[in-house]
Amino acid sequence: MPLSTSDRQTLIGPAVVGVFFGALCGLADAGIHSEYGRNMKPLFPGVTSVVAEAFLSFVVVTLGTIAVFGVVPLLLKKVASRHARGPDA
């Protein structure tokens, strides 16, 4: 199912917001780990634990924001438009 121009433009906003909040959460995760790292058990052991956890939080927050505020409204719009057209269309 190809996306129309309107659908692509609808996804741009949540993508930008998702990247912003994802970067913010990644930086916060790295900051918390550097401040309280001695008292915490890292998710990934080793030298790359800070980078891996920050990247993981960036990806999860970014994809979650795009899914919740971008993909779900597009799917609801598609379902509503097909339902409004009726069974014969």
PDB file of N, CA and C in Angstrom:
ATOM      1  N   MET A   1       0.850  -1.169   0.000  1.00  0.00           N
ATOM      2  CA  MET A   1       0.000   0.000   0.000  1.00  0.00           C
ATOM      3  C   MET A   1       0.900   1.238   0.000  1.00  0.00           C
ATOM      4  N   PRO A   2       0.968   1.933  -1.115  1.00  0.00           N
ATOM      5  CA  PRO A   2       1.810   3.134  -1.165  1.00  0.00           C
ATOM      6  C   PRO A   2       1.188   4.274  -0.360  1.00  0.00           C
ATOM      7  N   LEU A   3       2.050   5.077   0.197  1.00  0.00           N
ATOM      8  CA  LEU A   3       1.591   6.224   0.982  1.00  0.00           C
ATOM      9  C   LEU A   3       1.375   7.421   0.061  1.00  0.00           C
ATOM     10  N   SER A   4       0.297   8.134   0.303  1.00  0.00           N
ATOM     11  CA  SER A   4       0.048   9.349  -0.458  1.00  0.00           C
ATOM     12  C   SER A   4       0.930  10.474   0.081  1.00  0.00           C
ATOM     13  N   THR A   5       0.952  11.567  -0.635  1.00  0.00           N
ATOM     14  CA  THR A   5       1.741  12.714  -0.199  1.00  0.00           C
ATOM     15  C   THR A   5       1.246  13.230   1.150  1.00  0.00           C
ATOM     16  N   SER A   6      -0.057  13.242   1.331  1.00  0.00           N
ATOM     17  CA  SER A   6      -0.633  13.692   2.604  1.00  0.00           C
ATOM     18  C   SER A   6      -0.218  12.779   3.754  1.00  0.00           C
ATOM     19  N   ASP A   7      -0.200  11.472   3.503  1.00  0.00           N
ATOM     20  CA  ASP A   7       0.197  10.529   4.553  1.00  0.00           C
ATOM     21  C   ASP A   7       1.670  10.691   4.912  1.00  0.00           C
ATOM     22  N   ARG A   8       2.517  10.909   3.914  1.00  0.00           N
ATOM     23  CA  ARG A   8       3.940  11.115   4.200  1.00  0.00           C
ATOM     24  C   ARG A   8       4.154  12.398   4.992  1.00  0.00           C
ATOM     25  N   GLN A   9       3.409  13.436   4.647  1.00  0.00           N
ATOM     26  CA  GLN A   9       3.532  14.688   5.393  1.00  0.00           C
ATOM     27  C   GLN A   9       3.014  14.532   6.812  1.00  0.00           C
ATOM     28  N   THR A  10       2.010  13.683   7.002  1.00  0.00           N
ATOM     29  CA  THR A  10       1.482  13.428   8.343  1.00  0.00           C
ATOM     30  C   THR A  10       2.509  12.703   9.210  1.00  0.00           C
ATOM     31  N   LEU A  11       3.340  11.869   8.612  1.00  0.00           N
ATOM     32  CA  LEU A  11       4.347  11.123   9.370  1.00  0.00           C
ATOM     33  C   LEU A  11       5.592  11.942   9.696  1.00  0.00           C
ATOM     34  N   ILE A  12       5.812  13.051   8.999  1.00  0.00           N
ATOM     35  CA  ILE A  12       7.026  13.849   9.227  1.00  0.00           C
ATOM     36  C   ILE A  12       7.036  14.460  10.624  1.00  0.00           C
ATOM     37  N   GLY A  13       5.921  15.005  11.065  1.00  0.00           N
ATOM     38  CA  GLY A  13       5.850  15.643  12.381  1.00  0.00           C
ATOM     39  C   GLY A  13       6.173  14.692  13.518  1.00  0.00           C
ATOM     40  N   PRO A  14       5.491  13.542  13.600  1.00  0.00           N
ATOM     41  CA  PRO A  14       5.831  12.590  14.659  1.00  0.00           C
ATOM     42  C   PRO A  14       7.261  12.063  14.560  1.00  0.00           C
ATOM     43  N   ALA A  15       7.791  11.965  13.351  1.00  0.00           N
ATOM     44  CA  ALA A  15       9.176  11.502  13.210  1.00  0.00           C
ATOM     45  C   ALA A  15      10.149  12.517  13.796  1.00  0.00           C
ATOM     46  N   VAL A  16       9.927  13.790  13.517  1.00  0.00           N
ATOM     47  CA  VAL A  16      10.813  14.834  14.047  1.00  0.00           C
ATOM     48  C   VAL A  16      10.711  14.898  15.571  1.00  0.00           C
ATOM     49  N   VAL A  17       9.482  14.873  16.082  1.00  0.00           N
ATOM     50  CA  VAL A  17       9.286  14.904  17.533  1.00  0.00           C
ATOM     51  C   VAL A  17       9.877  13.650  18.175  1.00  0.00           C
ATOM     52  N   GLY A  18       9.715  12.500  17.528  1.00  0.00           N
ATOM     53  CA  GLY A  18      10.260  11.259  18.059  1.00  0.00           C
ATOM     54  C   GLY A  18      11.776  11.273  18.125  1.00  0.00           C
ATOM     55  N   VAL A  19      12.420  11.805  17.095  1.00  0.00           N
ATOM     56  CA  VAL A  19      13.880  11.895  17.109  1.00  0.00           C
ATOM     57  C   VAL A  19      14.339  12.850  18.211  1.00  0.00           C
ATOM     58  N   PHE A  20      13.645  13.963  18.377  1.00  0.00           N
ATOM     59  CA  PHE A  20      14.006  14.921  19.420  1.00  0.00           C
ATOM     60  C   PHE A  20      13.887  14.292  20.806  1.00  0.00           C
ATOM     61  N   PHE A  21      12.728  13.686  21.088  1.00  0.00           N
ATOM     62  CA  PHE A  21      12.550  13.065  22.400  1.00  0.00           C
ATOM     63  C   PHE A  21      13.444  11.848  22.587  1.00  0.00           C
ATOM     64  N   GLY A  22      13.707  11.117  21.505  1.00  0.00           N
ATOM     65  CA  GLY A  22      14.614   9.984  21.596  1.00  0.00           C
ATOM     66  C   GLY A  22      16.027  10.421  21.950  1.00  0.00           C
ATOM     67  N   ALA A  23      16.493  11.509  21.304  1.00  0.00           N
ATOM     68  CA  ALA A  23      17.821  12.032  21.632  1.00  0.00           C
ATOM     69  C   ALA A  23      17.865  12.543  23.062  1.00  0.00           C
ATOM     70  N   LEU A  24      16.799  13.200  23.492  1.00  0.00           N
ATOM     71  CA  LEU A  24      16.735  13.688  24.866  1.00  0.00           C
ATOM     72  C   LEU A  24      16.788  12.530  25.871  1.00  0.00           C
ATOM     73  N   CYS A  25      16.048  11.464  25.599  1.00  0.00           N
ATOM     74  CA  CYS A  25      16.072  10.305  26.503  1.00  0.00           C
ATOM     75  C   CYS A  25      17.414   9.585  26.463  1.00  0.00           C
ATOM     76  N   GLY A  26      18.029   9.523  25.290  1.00  0.00           N
ATOM     77  CA  GLY A  26      19.352   8.905  25.201  1.00  0.00           C
ATOM     78  C   GLY A  26      20.386   9.675  25.984  1.00  0.00           C
ATOM     79  N   LEU A  27      20.356  10.996  25.872  1.00  0.00           N
ATOM     80  CA  LEU A  27      21.290  11.820  26.636  1.00  0.00           C
ATOM     81  C   LEU A  27      21.009  11.727  28.136  1.00  0.00           C
ATOM     82  N   ALA A  28      19.739  11.692  28.506  1.00  0.00           N
ATOM     83  CA  ALA A  28      19.393  11.554  29.928  1.00  0.00           C
ATOM     84  C   ALA A  28      19.850  10.203  30.468  1.00  0.00           C
ATOM     85  N   ASP A  29      19.711   9.164  29.658  1.00  0.00           N
ATOM     86  CA  ASP A  29      20.167   7.843  30.088  1.00  0.00           C
ATOM     87  C   ASP A  29      21.679   7.832  30.284  1.00  0.00           C
ATOM     88  N   ALA A  30      22.402   8.441  29.366  1.00  0.00           N
ATOM     89  CA  ALA A  30      23.863   8.502  29.506  1.00  0.00           C
ATOM     90  C   ALA A  30      24.252   9.334  30.729  1.00  0.00           C
ATOM     91  N   GLY A  31      23.533  10.433  30.977  1.00  0.00           N
ATOM     92  CA  GLY A  31      23.830  11.264  32.143  1.00  0.00           C
ATOM     93  C   GLY A  31      23.550  10.572  33.456  1.00  0.00           C
ATOM     94  N   ILE A  32      22.426   9.872  33.519  1.00  0.00           N
ATOM     95  CA  ILE A  32      22.098   9.134  34.744  1.00  0.00           C
ATOM     96  C   ILE A  32      23.108   8.021  34.971  1.00  0.00           C
ATOM     97  N   HIS A  33      23.507   7.354  33.892  1.00  0.00           N
ATOM     98  CA  HIS A  33      24.478   6.270  34.039  1.00  0.00           C
ATOM     99  C   HIS A  33      25.843   6.809  34.489  1.00  0.00           C
ATOM    100  N   SER A  34      26.230   7.974  33.982  1.00  0.00           N
ATOM    101  CA  SER A  34      27.526   8.519  34.399  1.00  0.00           C
ATOM    102  C   SER A  34      27.480   9.031  35.838  1.00  0.00           C
ATOM    103  N   GLU A  35      26.300   9.480  36.297  1.00  0.00           N
ATOM    104  CA  GLU A  35      26.187  10.002  37.663  1.00  0.00           C
ATOM    105  C   GLU A  35      26.027   8.881  38.687  1.00  0.00           C
ATOM    106  N   TYR A  36      25.174   7.916  38.377  1.00  0.00           N
ATOM    107  CA  TYR A  36      24.844   6.873  39.345  1.00  0.00           C
ATOM    108  C   TYR A  36      25.290   5.490  38.896  1.00  0.00           C
ATOM    109  N   GLY A  37      26.193   5.395  37.933  1.00  0.00           N
ATOM    110  CA  GLY A  37      26.589   4.126  37.339  1.00  0.00           C
ATOM    111  C   GLY A  37      27.205   3.135  38.297  1.00  0.00           C
ATOM    112  N   ARG A  38      27.886   3.613  39.319  1.00  0.00           N
ATOM    113  CA  ARG A  38      28.527   2.698  40.269  1.00  0.00           C
ATOM    114  C   ARG A  38      27.498   1.934  41.094  1.00  0.00           C
ATOM    115  N   ASN A  39      26.331   2.527  41.290  1.00  0.00           N
ATOM    116  CA  ASN A  39      25.305   1.908  42.127  1.00  0.00           C
ATOM    117  C   ASN A  39      24.271   1.127  41.321  1.00  0.00           C
ATOM    118  N   MET A  40      24.400   1.132  39.994  1.00  0.00           N
ATOM    119  CA  MET A  40      23.418   0.466  39.145  1.00  0.00           C
ATOM    120  C   MET A  40      24.038  -0.747  38.467  1.00  0.00           C
ATOM    121  N   LYS A  41      23.199  -1.752  38.197  1.00  0.00           N
ATOM    122  CA  LYS A  41      23.644  -2.894  37.404  1.00  0.00           C
ATOM    123  C   LYS A  41      23.311  -2.570  35.949  1.00  0.00           C
ATOM    124  N   PRO A  42      24.297  -2.458  35.063  1.00  0.00           N
ATOM    125  CA  PRO A  42      24.003  -2.081  33.678  1.00  0.00           C
ATOM    126  C   PRO A  42      23.253  -3.181  32.936  1.00  0.00           C
ATOM    127  N   LEU A  43      22.448  -2.767  31.968  1.00  0.00           N
ATOM    128  CA  LEU A  43      21.705  -3.710  31.156  1.00  0.00           C
ATOM    129  C   LEU A  43      22.651  -4.552  30.303  1.00  0.00           C
ATOM    130  N   PHE A  44      23.667  -3.911  29.745  1.00  0.00           N
ATOM    131  CA  PHE A  44      24.694  -4.593  28.963  1.00  0.00           C
ATOM    132  C   PHE A  44      26.025  -4.453  29.688  1.00  0.00           C
ATOM    133  N   PRO A  45      26.678  -5.561  30.090  1.00  0.00           N
ATOM    134  CA  PRO A  45      27.964  -5.433  30.783  1.00  0.00           C
ATOM    135  C   PRO A  45      29.067  -5.055  29.806  1.00  0.00           C
ATOM    136  N   GLY A  46      30.074  -4.388  30.329  1.00  0.00           N
ATOM    137  CA  GLY A  46      31.223  -4.044  29.505  1.00  0.00           C
ATOM    138  C   GLY A  46      31.380  -2.552  29.317  1.00  0.00           C
ATOM    139  N   VAL A  47      32.328  -2.221  28.466  1.00  0.00           N
ATOM    140  CA  VAL A  47      32.687  -0.826  28.237  1.00  0.00           C
ATOM    141  C   VAL A  47      31.594  -0.078  27.476  1.00  0.00           C
ATOM    142  N   THR A  48      30.877  -0.774  26.618  1.00  0.00           N
ATOM    143  CA  THR A  48      29.893  -0.111  25.763  1.00  0.00           C
ATOM    144  C   THR A  48      28.514   0.009  26.395  1.00  0.00           C
ATOM    145  N   SER A  49      28.420  -0.191  27.695  1.00  0.00           N
ATOM    146  CA  SER A  49      27.104  -0.193  28.330  1.00  0.00           C
ATOM    147  C   SER A  49      26.400   1.155  28.224  1.00  0.00           C
ATOM    148  N   VAL A  50      27.126   2.240  28.375  1.00  0.00           N
ATOM    149  CA  VAL A  50      26.500   3.560  28.303  1.00  0.00           C
ATOM    150  C   VAL A  50      25.967   3.822  26.901  1.00  0.00           C
ATOM    151  N   VAL A  51      26.776   3.529  25.899  1.00  0.00           N
ATOM    152  CA  VAL A  51      26.364   3.774  24.518  1.00  0.00           C
ATOM    153  C   VAL A  51      25.212   2.857  24.126  1.00  0.00           C
ATOM    154  N   ALA A  52      25.278   1.594  24.508  1.00  0.00           N
ATOM    155  CA  ALA A  52      24.231   0.642  24.149  1.00  0.00           C
ATOM    156  C   ALA A  52      22.900   1.002  24.796  1.00  0.00           C
ATOM    157  N   GLU A  53      22.914   1.357  26.062  1.00  0.00           N
ATOM    158  CA  GLU A  53      21.669   1.720  26.737  1.00  0.00           C
ATOM    159  C   GLU A  53      21.103   3.030  26.204  1.00  0.00           C
ATOM    160  N   ALA A  54      21.964   4.001  25.914  1.00  0.00           N
ATOM    161  CA  ALA A  54      21.497   5.268  25.357  1.00  0.00           C
ATOM    162  C   ALA A  54      20.904   5.054  23.967  1.00  0.00           C
ATOM    163  N   PHE A  55      21.560   4.237  23.156  1.00  0.00           N
ATOM    164  CA  PHE A  55      21.045   3.962  21.815  1.00  0.00           C
ATOM    165  C   PHE A  55      19.731   3.194  21.880  1.00  0.00           C
ATOM    166  N   LEU A  56      19.635   2.241  22.795  1.00  0.00           N
ATOM    167  CA  LEU A  56      18.402   1.480  22.954  1.00  0.00           C
ATOM    168  C   LEU A  56      17.242   2.377  23.383  1.00  0.00           C
ATOM    169  N   SER A  57      17.484   3.281  24.308  1.00  0.00           N
ATOM    170  CA  SER A  57      16.412   4.188  24.728  1.00  0.00           C
ATOM    171  C   SER A  57      16.048   5.147  23.604  1.00  0.00           C
ATOM    172  N   PHE A  58      17.023   5.593  22.801  1.00  0.00           N
ATOM    173  CA  PHE A  58      16.746   6.450  21.650  1.00  0.00           C
ATOM    174  C   PHE A  58      15.838   5.733  20.651  1.00  0.00           C
ATOM    175  N   VAL A  59      16.168   4.500  20.326  1.00  0.00           N
ATOM    176  CA  VAL A  59      15.394   3.749  19.333  1.00  0.00           C
ATOM    177  C   VAL A  59      13.984   3.467  19.833  1.00  0.00           C
ATOM    178  N   VAL A  60      13.853   3.057  21.085  1.00  0.00           N
ATOM    179  CA  VAL A  60      12.537   2.722  21.632  1.00  0.00           C
ATOM    180  C   VAL A  60      11.642   3.951  21.688  1.00  0.00           C
ATOM    181  N   VAL A  61      12.164   5.070  22.153  1.00  0.00           N
ATOM    182  CA  VAL A  61      11.350   6.288  22.253  1.00  0.00           C
ATOM    183  C   VAL A  61      10.998   6.813  20.866  1.00  0.00           C
ATOM    184  N   THR A  62      11.946   6.795  19.940  1.00  0.00           N
ATOM    185  CA  THR A  62      11.671   7.288  18.592  1.00  0.00           C
ATOM    186  C   THR A  62      10.615   6.439  17.899  1.00  0.00           C
ATOM    187  N   LEU A  63      10.786   5.132  17.895  1.00  0.00           N
ATOM    188  CA  LEU A  63       9.813   4.262  17.231  1.00  0.00           C
ATOM    189  C   LEU A  63       8.454   4.289  17.931  1.00  0.00           C
ATOM    190  N   GLY A  64       8.461   4.382  19.247  1.00  0.00           N
ATOM    191  CA  GLY A  64       7.197   4.472  19.969  1.00  0.00           C
ATOM    192  C   GLY A  64       6.433   5.745  19.646  1.00  0.00           C
ATOM    193  N   THR A  65       7.134   6.851  19.549  1.00  0.00           N
ATOM    194  CA  THR A  65       6.483   8.115  19.217  1.00  0.00           C
ATOM    195  C   THR A  65       5.931   8.086  17.800  1.00  0.00           C
ATOM    196  N   ILE A  66       6.708   7.562  16.870  1.00  0.00           N
ATOM    197  CA  ILE A  66       6.237   7.488  15.482  1.00  0.00           C
ATOM    198  C   ILE A  66       5.033   6.553  15.382  1.00  0.00           C
ATOM    199  N   ALA A  67       5.066   5.443  16.101  1.00  0.00           N
ATOM    200  CA  ALA A  67       3.951   4.501  16.053  1.00  0.00           C
ATOM    201  C   ALA A  67       2.687   5.094  16.658  1.00  0.00           C
ATOM    202  N   VAL A  68       2.812   5.692  17.836  1.00  0.00           N
ATOM    203  CA  VAL A  68       1.620   6.181  18.535  1.00  0.00           C
ATOM    204  C   VAL A  68       1.038   7.429  17.889  1.00  0.00           C
ATOM    205  N   PHE A  69       1.890   8.361  17.496  1.00  0.00           N
ATOM    206  CA  PHE A  69       1.384   9.638  16.981  1.00  0.00           C
ATOM    207  C   PHE A  69       1.400   9.740  15.459  1.00  0.00           C
ATOM    208  N   GLY A  70       1.912   8.730  14.753  1.00  0.00           N
ATOM    209  CA  GLY A  70       1.953   8.787  13.305  1.00  0.00           C
ATOM    210  C   GLY A  70       1.228   7.651  12.629  1.00  0.00           C
ATOM    211  N   VAL A  71       1.604   6.429  12.949  1.00  0.00           N
ATOM    212  CA  VAL A  71       1.059   5.271  12.240  1.00  0.00           C
ATOM    213  C   VAL A  71      -0.372   4.965  12.681  1.00  0.00           C
ATOM    214  N   VAL A  72      -0.630   4.992  13.968  1.00  0.00           N
ATOM    215  CA  VAL A  72      -1.972   4.674  14.459  1.00  0.00           C
ATOM    216  C   VAL A  72      -3.014   5.665  13.920  1.00  0.00           C
ATOM    217  N   PRO A  73      -2.788   6.982  13.931  1.00  0.00           N
ATOM    218  CA  PRO A  73      -3.778   7.878  13.331  1.00  0.00           C
ATOM    219  C   PRO A  73      -3.981   7.647  11.830  1.00  0.00           C
ATOM    220  N   LEU A  74      -2.903   7.293  11.100  1.00  0.00           N
ATOM    221  CA  LEU A  74      -3.066   6.996   9.677  1.00  0.00           C
ATOM    222  C   LEU A  74      -3.930   5.763   9.470  1.00  0.00           C
ATOM    223  N   LEU A  75      -3.698   4.728  10.276  1.00  0.00           N
ATOM    224  CA  LEU A  75      -4.514   3.521  10.150  1.00  0.00           C
ATOM    225  C   LEU A  75      -5.972   3.792  10.506  1.00  0.00           C
ATOM    226  N   LEU A  76      -6.196   4.581  11.543  1.00  0.00           N
ATOM    227  CA  LEU A  76      -7.574   4.927  11.905  1.00  0.00           C
ATOM    228  C   LEU A  76      -8.251   5.726  10.801  1.00  0.00           C
ATOM    229  N   LYS A  77      -7.517   6.622  10.153  1.00  0.00           N
ATOM    230  CA  LYS A  77      -8.065   7.404   9.046  1.00  0.00           C
ATOM    231  C   LYS A  77      -8.436   6.508   7.870  1.00  0.00           C
ATOM    232  N   LYS A  78      -7.565   5.539   7.562  1.00  0.00           N
ATOM    233  CA  LYS A  78      -7.836   4.609   6.456  1.00  0.00           C
ATOM    234  C   LYS A  78      -9.069   3.755   6.760  1.00  0.00           C
ATOM    235  N   VAL A  79      -9.166   3.247   7.983  1.00  0.00           N
ATOM    236  CA  VAL A  79     -10.310   2.417   8.353  1.00  0.00           C
ATOM    237  C   VAL A  79     -11.590   3.237   8.333  1.00  0.00           C
ATOM    238  N   ALA A  80     -11.541   4.453   8.851  1.00  0.00           N
ATOM    239  CA  ALA A  80     -12.727   5.300   8.869  1.00  0.00           C
ATOM    240  C   ALA A  80     -13.167   5.679   7.456  1.00  0.00           C
ATOM    241  N   SER A  81     -12.223   5.945   6.564  1.00  0.00           N
ATOM    242  CA  SER A  81     -12.600   6.311   5.199  1.00  0.00           C
ATOM    243  C   SER A  81     -13.187   5.123   4.455  1.00  0.00           C
ATOM    244  N   ARG A  82     -12.658   3.919   4.699  1.00  0.00           N
ATOM    245  CA  ARG A  82     -13.247   2.728   4.051  1.00  0.00           C
ATOM    246  C   ARG A  82     -14.628   2.413   4.630  1.00  0.00           C
ATOM    247  N   HIS A  83     -14.780   2.646   5.922  1.00  0.00           N
ATOM    248  CA  HIS A  83     -16.076   2.399   6.550  1.00  0.00           C
ATOM    249  C   HIS A  83     -17.102   3.411   6.074  1.00  0.00           C
ATOM    250  N   ALA A  84     -16.704   4.657   5.846  1.00  0.00           N
ATOM    251  CA  ALA A  84     -17.631   5.705   5.407  1.00  0.00           C
ATOM    252  C   ALA A  84     -18.075   5.480   3.966  1.00  0.00           C
ATOM    253  N   ARG A  85     -17.226   4.887   3.142  1.00  0.00           N
ATOM    254  CA  ARG A  85     -17.595   4.642   1.753  1.00  0.00           C
ATOM    255  C   ARG A  85     -18.655   3.562   1.630  1.00  0.00           C
ATOM    256  N   GLY A  86     -18.703   2.679   2.585  1.00  0.00           N
ATOM    257  CA  GLY A  86     -19.715   1.625   2.558  1.00  0.00           C
ATOM    258  C   GLY A  86     -19.189   0.333   1.978  1.00  0.00           C
ATOM    259  N   PRO A  87     -19.997  -0.720   2.024  1.00  0.00           N
ATOM    260  CA  PRO A  87     -19.528  -2.034   1.575  1.00  0.00           C
ATOM    261  C   PRO A  87     -19.444  -2.168   0.060  1.00  0.00           C
ATOM    262  N   ASP A  88     -20.137  -1.329  -0.697  1.00  0.00           N
ATOM    263  CA  ASP A  88     -20.138  -1.454  -2.157  1.00  0.00           C
ATOM    264  C   ASP A  88     -18.968  -0.803  -2.831  1.00  0.00           C
ATOM    265  N   ALA A  89     -18.259   0.095  -2.136  1.00  0.00           N
ATOM    266  CA  ALA A  89     -17.194   0.845  -2.773  1.00  0.00           C
ATOM    267  C   ALA A  89     -15.909   0.065  -2.859  1.00  0.00           C
TER     268      ALA A  89
END
